[in-house]
Amino acid sequence: MNPAFLNEAINQAKISLGQGGIPIGAVITYKGKIIGKGHNQRIQKGSVILHGEMDAFENAGREYAPVFKDCELYTTLSPCHMCTGTILLYGIKKVYIGENQTFKGAEELLASHGVEFEVLNNEECISLMKKFIEEKPNLWNEDIGN
């Protein structure tokens, strides 16, 4: 686990929050370098799919399948089923999850497909989400499909 990559995911979450969006960020790394980073942009772009992980994949651009199979993903929040599906589709082998206390995503699905993951319980990630959920419950519920 590289703390600099988690810090960049947190920075992405803060960018989203500063834009009026949901504070979730993600980073995709390949051989120790960031190849894609992004943040939740559902509100900013009126999108139904631009979660933080999806935006990071979008920003990574077209990569050959073997590249993604050697990547790691850092995300500030446990990935939902949609984002987990993309992780599985592209064969990401390792996911670092900033926190899963405010939302436990599809971690069992990751595990059932052999994806290694580590929940970091990062206090800054937890704090960002708790505050956002408290202040904007309707936006949060929309984001998770409730």
N, C-alpha and C. Protein backbone atom coordinates (compact mmCIF):
# COMPACT_ATOMS: atom_id res chain seq x y z
N MET A 1 0.86 -1.18 0.00
CA MET A 1 0.00 0.00 0.00
C MET A 1 0.89 1.23 0.00
N ASN A 2 0.61 2.10 -0.95
CA ASN A 2 1.38 3.34 -1.05
C ASN A 2 0.50 4.49 -0.55
N PRO A 3 0.85 5.09 0.58
CA PRO A 3 0.03 6.18 1.14
C PRO A 3 -0.16 7.36 0.17
N ALA A 4 0.79 7.60 -0.69
CA ALA A 4 0.66 8.71 -1.65
C ALA A 4 -0.51 8.47 -2.60
N PHE A 5 -0.74 7.22 -2.96
CA PHE A 5 -1.85 6.92 -3.87
C PHE A 5 -3.20 7.08 -3.16
N LEU A 6 -3.27 6.64 -1.90
CA LEU A 6 -4.50 6.87 -1.14
C LEU A 6 -4.72 8.36 -0.96
N ASN A 7 -3.68 9.11 -0.68
CA ASN A 7 -3.81 10.56 -0.52
C ASN A 7 -4.33 11.21 -1.79
N GLU A 8 -3.91 10.73 -2.95
CA GLU A 8 -4.42 11.28 -4.20
C GLU A 8 -5.89 10.94 -4.38
N ALA A 9 -6.30 9.73 -3.98
CA ALA A 9 -7.72 9.38 -4.05
C ALA A 9 -8.53 10.30 -3.13
N ILE A 10 -7.99 10.59 -1.94
CA ILE A 10 -8.66 11.51 -1.01
C ILE A 10 -8.72 12.91 -1.63
N ASN A 11 -7.65 13.34 -2.26
CA ASN A 11 -7.64 14.63 -2.94
C ASN A 11 -8.73 14.68 -4.02
N GLN A 12 -8.88 13.60 -4.76
CA GLN A 12 -9.94 13.53 -5.77
C GLN A 12 -11.32 13.66 -5.13
N ALA A 13 -11.50 13.00 -3.97
CA ALA A 13 -12.78 13.10 -3.26
C ALA A 13 -13.06 14.55 -2.85
N LYS A 14 -12.04 15.24 -2.40
CA LYS A 14 -12.18 16.64 -2.00
C LYS A 14 -12.48 17.54 -3.20
N ILE A 15 -11.91 17.22 -4.34
CA ILE A 15 -12.23 17.98 -5.57
C ILE A 15 -13.71 17.85 -5.87
N SER A 16 -14.22 16.61 -5.80
CA SER A 16 -15.65 16.41 -6.05
C SER A 16 -16.50 17.20 -5.07
N LEU A 17 -16.16 17.13 -3.80
CA LEU A 17 -16.92 17.86 -2.78
C LEU A 17 -16.89 19.36 -3.06
N GLY A 18 -15.74 19.88 -3.45
CA GLY A 18 -15.61 21.30 -3.77
C GLY A 18 -16.43 21.72 -4.98
N GLN A 19 -16.75 20.77 -5.84
CA GLN A 19 -17.56 21.04 -7.02
C GLN A 19 -19.05 20.81 -6.76
N GLY A 20 -19.39 20.49 -5.51
CA GLY A 20 -20.78 20.22 -5.16
C GLY A 20 -21.17 18.76 -5.34
N GLY A 21 -20.18 17.91 -5.53
CA GLY A 21 -20.44 16.50 -5.76
C GLY A 21 -20.23 15.64 -4.53
N ILE A 22 -20.26 14.35 -4.75
CA ILE A 22 -20.14 13.36 -3.69
C ILE A 22 -18.66 13.06 -3.47
N PRO A 23 -18.18 13.12 -2.24
CA PRO A 23 -16.73 13.02 -1.97
C PRO A 23 -16.17 11.59 -2.02
N ILE A 24 -16.08 11.07 -3.21
CA ILE A 24 -15.48 9.75 -3.42
C ILE A 24 -14.46 9.89 -4.54
N GLY A 25 -13.26 9.41 -4.28
CA GLY A 25 -12.20 9.49 -5.27
C GLY A 25 -11.53 8.14 -5.46
N ALA A 26 -10.86 7.99 -6.60
CA ALA A 26 -10.17 6.74 -6.89
C ALA A 26 -8.95 6.99 -7.75
N VAL A 27 -8.00 6.07 -7.65
CA VAL A 27 -6.75 6.13 -8.40
C VAL A 27 -6.43 4.72 -8.89
N ILE A 28 -6.01 4.62 -10.14
CA ILE A 28 -5.54 3.35 -10.70
C ILE A 28 -4.05 3.48 -10.94
N THR A 29 -3.30 2.51 -10.43
CA THR A 29 -1.84 2.55 -10.58
C THR A 29 -1.34 1.34 -11.36
N TYR A 30 -0.27 1.59 -12.10
CA TYR A 30 0.39 0.53 -12.87
C TYR A 30 1.89 0.66 -12.66
N LYS A 31 2.47 -0.37 -12.12
CA LYS A 31 3.92 -0.39 -11.86
C LYS A 31 4.39 0.85 -11.10
N GLY A 32 3.62 1.22 -10.07
CA GLY A 32 4.03 2.32 -9.20
C GLY A 32 3.74 3.71 -9.72
N LYS A 33 2.95 3.81 -10.79
CA LYS A 33 2.59 5.13 -11.34
C LYS A 33 1.08 5.22 -11.54
N ILE A 34 0.57 6.41 -11.33
CA ILE A 34 -0.86 6.64 -11.55
C ILE A 34 -1.12 6.71 -13.05
N ILE A 35 -2.06 5.86 -13.52
CA ILE A 35 -2.45 5.93 -14.94
C ILE A 35 -3.87 6.47 -15.11
N GLY A 36 -4.61 6.52 -14.01
CA GLY A 36 -5.96 7.08 -14.07
C GLY A 36 -6.40 7.51 -12.68
N LYS A 37 -7.04 8.64 -12.62
CA LYS A 37 -7.59 9.11 -11.35
C LYS A 37 -8.89 9.82 -11.64
N GLY A 38 -9.76 9.81 -10.66
CA GLY A 38 -11.04 10.45 -10.88
C GLY A 38 -11.83 10.58 -9.59
N HIS A 39 -12.97 11.20 -9.73
CA HIS A 39 -13.85 11.40 -8.58
C HIS A 39 -15.29 11.31 -9.04
N ASN A 40 -16.16 11.07 -8.07
CA ASN A 40 -17.57 10.97 -8.37
C ASN A 40 -18.02 12.27 -9.04
N GLN A 41 -18.66 12.11 -10.20
CA GLN A 41 -19.13 13.28 -10.96
C GLN A 41 -20.59 13.15 -11.36
N ARG A 42 -21.33 12.35 -10.60
CA ARG A 42 -22.74 12.17 -10.93
C ARG A 42 -23.49 13.50 -10.90
N ILE A 43 -23.23 14.29 -9.89
CA ILE A 43 -23.94 15.58 -9.76
C ILE A 43 -23.42 16.56 -10.79
N GLN A 44 -22.09 16.69 -10.87
CA GLN A 44 -21.48 17.69 -11.74
C GLN A 44 -21.85 17.48 -13.21
N LYS A 45 -21.90 16.23 -13.65
CA LYS A 45 -22.15 15.94 -15.07
C LYS A 45 -23.53 15.36 -15.32
N GLY A 46 -24.36 15.28 -14.29
CA GLY A 46 -25.69 14.71 -14.46
C GLY A 46 -25.63 13.27 -14.95
N SER A 47 -24.67 12.53 -14.44
CA SER A 47 -24.42 11.16 -14.90
C SER A 47 -24.99 10.14 -13.92
N VAL A 48 -25.40 9.02 -14.43
CA VAL A 48 -25.85 7.93 -13.56
C VAL A 48 -24.73 6.95 -13.26
N ILE A 49 -23.59 7.05 -13.96
CA ILE A 49 -22.54 6.05 -13.80
C ILE A 49 -21.18 6.59 -13.37
N LEU A 50 -20.98 7.88 -13.32
CA LEU A 50 -19.64 8.40 -13.04
C LEU A 50 -19.33 8.41 -11.54
N HIS A 51 -19.27 7.22 -10.97
CA HIS A 51 -18.74 7.06 -9.63
C HIS A 51 -17.24 7.32 -9.69
N GLY A 52 -16.59 7.46 -8.55
CA GLY A 52 -15.15 7.75 -8.52
C GLY A 52 -14.32 6.72 -9.27
N GLU A 53 -14.62 5.45 -9.07
CA GLU A 53 -13.87 4.39 -9.74
C GLU A 53 -14.11 4.43 -11.25
N MET A 54 -15.34 4.64 -11.64
CA MET A 54 -15.67 4.68 -13.07
C MET A 54 -14.96 5.85 -13.75
N ASP A 55 -14.90 6.99 -13.07
CA ASP A 55 -14.21 8.16 -13.61
C ASP A 55 -12.71 7.88 -13.73
N ALA A 56 -12.14 7.18 -12.76
CA ALA A 56 -10.71 6.84 -12.84
C ALA A 56 -10.44 5.92 -14.03
N PHE A 57 -11.32 4.94 -14.26
CA PHE A 57 -11.17 4.08 -15.44
C PHE A 57 -11.30 4.89 -16.72
N GLU A 58 -12.28 5.77 -16.75
CA GLU A 58 -12.47 6.62 -17.93
C GLU A 58 -11.23 7.45 -18.22
N ASN A 59 -10.64 8.00 -17.17
CA ASN A 59 -9.46 8.84 -17.33
C ASN A 59 -8.19 8.05 -17.62
N ALA A 60 -8.20 6.76 -17.30
CA ALA A 60 -7.06 5.91 -17.66
C ALA A 60 -7.03 5.69 -19.17
N GLY A 61 -8.18 5.80 -19.79
CA GLY A 61 -8.25 5.64 -21.24
C GLY A 61 -8.14 4.19 -21.66
N ARG A 62 -7.98 4.00 -22.94
CA ARG A 62 -7.89 2.65 -23.50
C ARG A 62 -6.52 2.06 -23.17
N GLU A 63 -6.55 0.99 -22.46
CA GLU A 63 -5.32 0.26 -22.13
C GLU A 63 -5.52 -1.18 -22.58
N TYR A 64 -4.44 -1.83 -22.93
CA TYR A 64 -4.52 -3.24 -23.27
C TYR A 64 -4.85 -4.02 -22.01
N ALA A 65 -5.62 -5.09 -22.17
CA ALA A 65 -6.06 -5.88 -21.02
C ALA A 65 -4.92 -6.27 -20.08
N PRO A 66 -3.75 -6.68 -20.59
CA PRO A 66 -2.67 -7.06 -19.66
C PRO A 66 -2.22 -5.91 -18.75
N VAL A 67 -2.36 -4.68 -19.20
CA VAL A 67 -2.00 -3.54 -18.35
C VAL A 67 -2.92 -3.50 -17.14
N PHE A 68 -4.23 -3.53 -17.36
CA PHE A 68 -5.17 -3.47 -16.24
C PHE A 68 -5.00 -4.65 -15.29
N LYS A 69 -4.63 -5.80 -15.81
CA LYS A 69 -4.44 -6.98 -14.97
C LYS A 69 -3.26 -6.82 -14.01
N ASP A 70 -2.38 -5.87 -14.28
CA ASP A 70 -1.26 -5.59 -13.39
C ASP A 70 -1.45 -4.29 -12.61
N CYS A 71 -2.67 -3.80 -12.56
CA CYS A 71 -2.95 -2.54 -11.87
C CYS A 71 -3.50 -2.79 -10.46
N GLU A 72 -3.37 -1.75 -9.66
CA GLU A 72 -4.02 -1.70 -8.35
C GLU A 72 -4.96 -0.50 -8.36
N LEU A 73 -6.03 -0.61 -7.59
CA LEU A 73 -6.99 0.48 -7.50
C LEU A 73 -7.09 0.93 -6.04
N TYR A 74 -7.03 2.23 -5.85
CA TYR A 74 -7.22 2.85 -4.54
C TYR A 74 -8.53 3.62 -4.61
N THR A 75 -9.41 3.38 -3.67
CA THR A 75 -10.68 4.09 -3.64
C THR A 75 -10.99 4.52 -2.20
N THR A 76 -11.60 5.67 -2.06
CA THR A 76 -11.87 6.18 -0.72
C THR A 76 -13.02 5.45 -0.04
N LEU A 77 -13.85 4.75 -0.82
CA LEU A 77 -15.03 4.09 -0.27
C LEU A 77 -15.19 2.71 -0.90
N SER A 78 -15.71 1.79 -0.15
CA SER A 78 -15.96 0.43 -0.64
C SER A 78 -16.75 0.50 -1.95
N PRO A 79 -16.28 -0.18 -3.01
CA PRO A 79 -16.93 -0.06 -4.31
C PRO A 79 -18.29 -0.75 -4.39
N CYS A 80 -19.21 -0.07 -5.05
CA CYS A 80 -20.56 -0.61 -5.26
C CYS A 80 -20.50 -1.76 -6.27
N HIS A 81 -21.64 -2.36 -6.55
CA HIS A 81 -21.69 -3.46 -7.51
C HIS A 81 -21.27 -3.04 -8.92
N MET A 82 -21.67 -1.84 -9.34
CA MET A 82 -21.30 -1.38 -10.68
C MET A 82 -19.79 -1.23 -10.79
N CYS A 83 -19.18 -0.58 -9.82
CA CYS A 83 -17.73 -0.37 -9.86
C CYS A 83 -16.99 -1.69 -9.68
N THR A 84 -17.52 -2.55 -8.83
CA THR A 84 -16.92 -3.88 -8.66
C THR A 84 -16.97 -4.65 -9.97
N GLY A 85 -18.07 -4.55 -10.69
CA GLY A 85 -18.17 -5.21 -11.99
C GLY A 85 -17.09 -4.75 -12.95
N THR A 86 -16.79 -3.46 -12.93
CA THR A 86 -15.73 -2.94 -13.80
C THR A 86 -14.36 -3.42 -13.34
N ILE A 87 -14.15 -3.47 -12.04
CA ILE A 87 -12.90 -4.01 -11.50
C ILE A 87 -12.72 -5.45 -11.97
N LEU A 88 -13.78 -6.23 -11.91
CA LEU A 88 -13.73 -7.63 -12.35
C LEU A 88 -13.53 -7.74 -13.85
N LEU A 89 -14.24 -6.92 -14.60
CA LEU A 89 -14.14 -6.95 -16.06
C LEU A 89 -12.71 -6.74 -16.54
N TYR A 90 -12.02 -5.81 -15.92
CA TYR A 90 -10.66 -5.49 -16.37
C TYR A 90 -9.57 -6.22 -15.59
N GLY A 91 -9.96 -7.08 -14.66
CA GLY A 91 -9.00 -7.95 -14.01
C GLY A 91 -8.07 -7.30 -13.02
N ILE A 92 -8.52 -6.21 -12.37
CA ILE A 92 -7.71 -5.59 -11.33
C ILE A 92 -7.52 -6.64 -10.21
N LYS A 93 -6.29 -6.80 -9.77
CA LYS A 93 -6.00 -7.86 -8.80
C LYS A 93 -6.02 -7.40 -7.36
N LYS A 94 -5.81 -6.10 -7.12
CA LYS A 94 -5.71 -5.61 -5.74
C LYS A 94 -6.43 -4.28 -5.62
N VAL A 95 -7.26 -4.17 -4.58
CA VAL A 95 -8.01 -2.94 -4.33
C VAL A 95 -7.76 -2.52 -2.89
N TYR A 96 -7.40 -1.26 -2.72
CA TYR A 96 -7.24 -0.66 -1.40
C TYR A 96 -8.46 0.22 -1.15
N ILE A 97 -9.19 -0.07 -0.09
CA ILE A 97 -10.45 0.60 0.21
C ILE A 97 -10.22 1.53 1.40
N GLY A 98 -10.43 2.83 1.18
CA GLY A 98 -10.22 3.80 2.25
C GLY A 98 -11.06 3.52 3.47
N GLU A 99 -12.33 3.17 3.25
CA GLU A 99 -13.21 2.83 4.37
C GLU A 99 -14.46 2.13 3.89
N ASN A 100 -15.05 1.34 4.78
CA ASN A 100 -16.31 0.67 4.48
C ASN A 100 -17.30 0.79 5.64
N GLN A 101 -17.07 1.74 6.52
CA GLN A 101 -17.97 1.93 7.65
C GLN A 101 -19.26 2.63 7.26
N THR A 102 -19.17 3.59 6.35
CA THR A 102 -20.36 4.33 5.94
C THR A 102 -21.10 3.61 4.81
N PHE A 103 -20.40 2.74 4.10
CA PHE A 103 -21.01 1.97 3.00
C PHE A 103 -20.15 0.75 2.73
N LYS A 104 -20.75 -0.41 2.91
CA LYS A 104 -20.03 -1.64 2.58
C LYS A 104 -20.55 -2.08 1.22
N GLY A 105 -19.69 -1.94 0.24
CA GLY A 105 -20.06 -2.28 -1.12
C GLY A 105 -20.02 -3.78 -1.38
N ALA A 106 -19.61 -4.14 -2.56
CA ALA A 106 -19.64 -5.52 -3.03
C ALA A 106 -18.33 -6.25 -2.73
N GLU A 107 -17.88 -6.15 -1.50
CA GLU A 107 -16.61 -6.76 -1.12
C GLU A 107 -16.65 -8.28 -1.26
N GLU A 108 -17.79 -8.89 -0.94
CA GLU A 108 -17.90 -10.35 -1.08
C GLU A 108 -17.77 -10.76 -2.54
N LEU A 109 -18.29 -9.95 -3.44
CA LEU A 109 -18.18 -10.23 -4.87
C LEU A 109 -16.73 -10.14 -5.31
N LEU A 110 -16.01 -9.13 -4.83
CA LEU A 110 -14.58 -9.04 -5.13
C LEU A 110 -13.86 -10.31 -4.67
N ALA A 111 -14.11 -10.69 -3.43
CA ALA A 111 -13.44 -11.86 -2.85
C ALA A 111 -13.79 -13.14 -3.60
N SER A 112 -15.05 -13.26 -4.00
CA SER A 112 -15.48 -14.49 -4.68
C SER A 112 -14.83 -14.65 -6.05
N HIS A 113 -14.30 -13.56 -6.58
CA HIS A 113 -13.60 -13.61 -7.87
C HIS A 113 -12.09 -13.52 -7.71
N GLY A 114 -11.61 -13.70 -6.50
CA GLY A 114 -10.18 -13.75 -6.25
C GLY A 114 -9.48 -12.41 -6.22
N VAL A 115 -10.24 -11.32 -6.11
CA VAL A 115 -9.63 -9.99 -6.02
C VAL A 115 -9.22 -9.77 -4.57
N GLU A 116 -7.96 -9.48 -4.38
CA GLU A 116 -7.47 -9.18 -3.04
C GLU A 116 -7.84 -7.73 -2.72
N PHE A 117 -8.32 -7.51 -1.51
CA PHE A 117 -8.60 -6.13 -1.11
C PHE A 117 -8.23 -5.94 0.34
N GLU A 118 -7.96 -4.69 0.67
CA GLU A 118 -7.61 -4.33 2.03
C GLU A 118 -8.41 -3.10 2.42
N VAL A 119 -9.15 -3.20 3.52
CA VAL A 119 -9.90 -2.06 4.05
C VAL A 119 -8.99 -1.33 5.02
N LEU A 120 -8.75 -0.06 4.74
CA LEU A 120 -7.77 0.72 5.50
C LEU A 120 -8.36 1.47 6.69
N ASN A 121 -9.68 1.64 6.71
CA ASN A 121 -10.34 2.40 7.77
C ASN A 121 -9.65 3.73 8.04
N ASN A 122 -9.40 4.45 6.96
CA ASN A 122 -8.74 5.75 7.03
C ASN A 122 -9.69 6.78 7.64
N GLU A 123 -9.25 7.46 8.67
CA GLU A 123 -10.10 8.42 9.38
C GLU A 123 -10.58 9.57 8.50
N GLU A 124 -9.73 10.04 7.61
CA GLU A 124 -10.14 11.14 6.73
C GLU A 124 -11.24 10.69 5.77
N CYS A 125 -11.12 9.49 5.23
CA CYS A 125 -12.16 8.96 4.35
C CYS A 125 -13.48 8.82 5.11
N ILE A 126 -13.41 8.28 6.31
CA ILE A 126 -14.61 8.10 7.13
C ILE A 126 -15.25 9.45 7.43
N SER A 127 -14.46 10.40 7.84
CA SER A 127 -14.95 11.72 8.20
C SER A 127 -15.62 12.43 7.01
N LEU A 128 -14.97 12.37 5.85
CA LEU A 128 -15.56 13.00 4.65
C LEU A 128 -16.95 12.45 4.36
N MET A 129 -17.07 11.11 4.40
CA MET A 129 -18.35 10.50 4.06
C MET A 129 -19.41 10.74 5.13
N LYS A 130 -19.03 10.59 6.39
CA LYS A 130 -20.01 10.80 7.47
C LYS A 130 -20.60 12.20 7.41
N LYS A 131 -19.74 13.19 7.22
CA LYS A 131 -20.21 14.57 7.15
C LYS A 131 -21.12 14.78 5.93
N PHE A 132 -20.70 14.23 4.79
CA PHE A 132 -21.51 14.40 3.58
C PHE A 132 -22.88 13.73 3.74
N ILE A 133 -22.90 12.50 4.25
CA ILE A 133 -24.16 11.77 4.42
C ILE A 133 -25.08 12.52 5.37
N GLU A 134 -24.52 13.08 6.43
CA GLU A 134 -25.31 13.84 7.40
C GLU A 134 -25.90 15.10 6.78
N GLU A 135 -25.08 15.79 5.96
CA GLU A 135 -25.52 17.07 5.38
C GLU A 135 -26.38 16.91 4.13
N LYS A 136 -26.18 15.84 3.37
CA LYS A 136 -26.90 15.68 2.10
C LYS A 136 -27.40 14.25 1.92
N PRO A 137 -28.28 13.80 2.81
CA PRO A 137 -28.74 12.41 2.74
C PRO A 137 -29.45 12.06 1.43
N ASN A 138 -30.17 13.01 0.86
CA ASN A 138 -30.87 12.71 -0.39
C ASN A 138 -29.91 12.43 -1.54
N LEU A 139 -28.85 13.23 -1.65
CA LEU A 139 -27.86 12.99 -2.71
C LEU A 139 -27.15 11.65 -2.48
N TRP A 140 -26.84 11.36 -1.23
CA TRP A 140 -26.18 10.10 -0.92
C TRP A 140 -27.07 8.91 -1.28
N ASN A 141 -28.34 8.97 -0.88
CA ASN A 141 -29.25 7.87 -1.18
C ASN A 141 -29.44 7.69 -2.68
N GLU A 142 -29.44 8.78 -3.41
CA GLU A 142 -29.51 8.70 -4.87
C GLU A 142 -28.27 8.00 -5.43
N ASP A 143 -27.11 8.30 -4.87
CA ASP A 143 -25.87 7.73 -5.37
C ASP A 143 -25.80 6.23 -5.17
N ILE A 144 -26.36 5.74 -4.06
CA ILE A 144 -26.30 4.30 -3.79
C ILE A 144 -27.58 3.57 -4.22
N GLY A 145 -28.47 4.28 -4.92
CA GLY A 145 -29.65 3.64 -5.47
C GLY A 145 -30.80 3.44 -4.51
N ASN A 146 -30.84 4.22 -3.45
CA ASN A 146 -31.97 4.12 -2.50
C ASN A 146 -33.01 5.17 -2.78
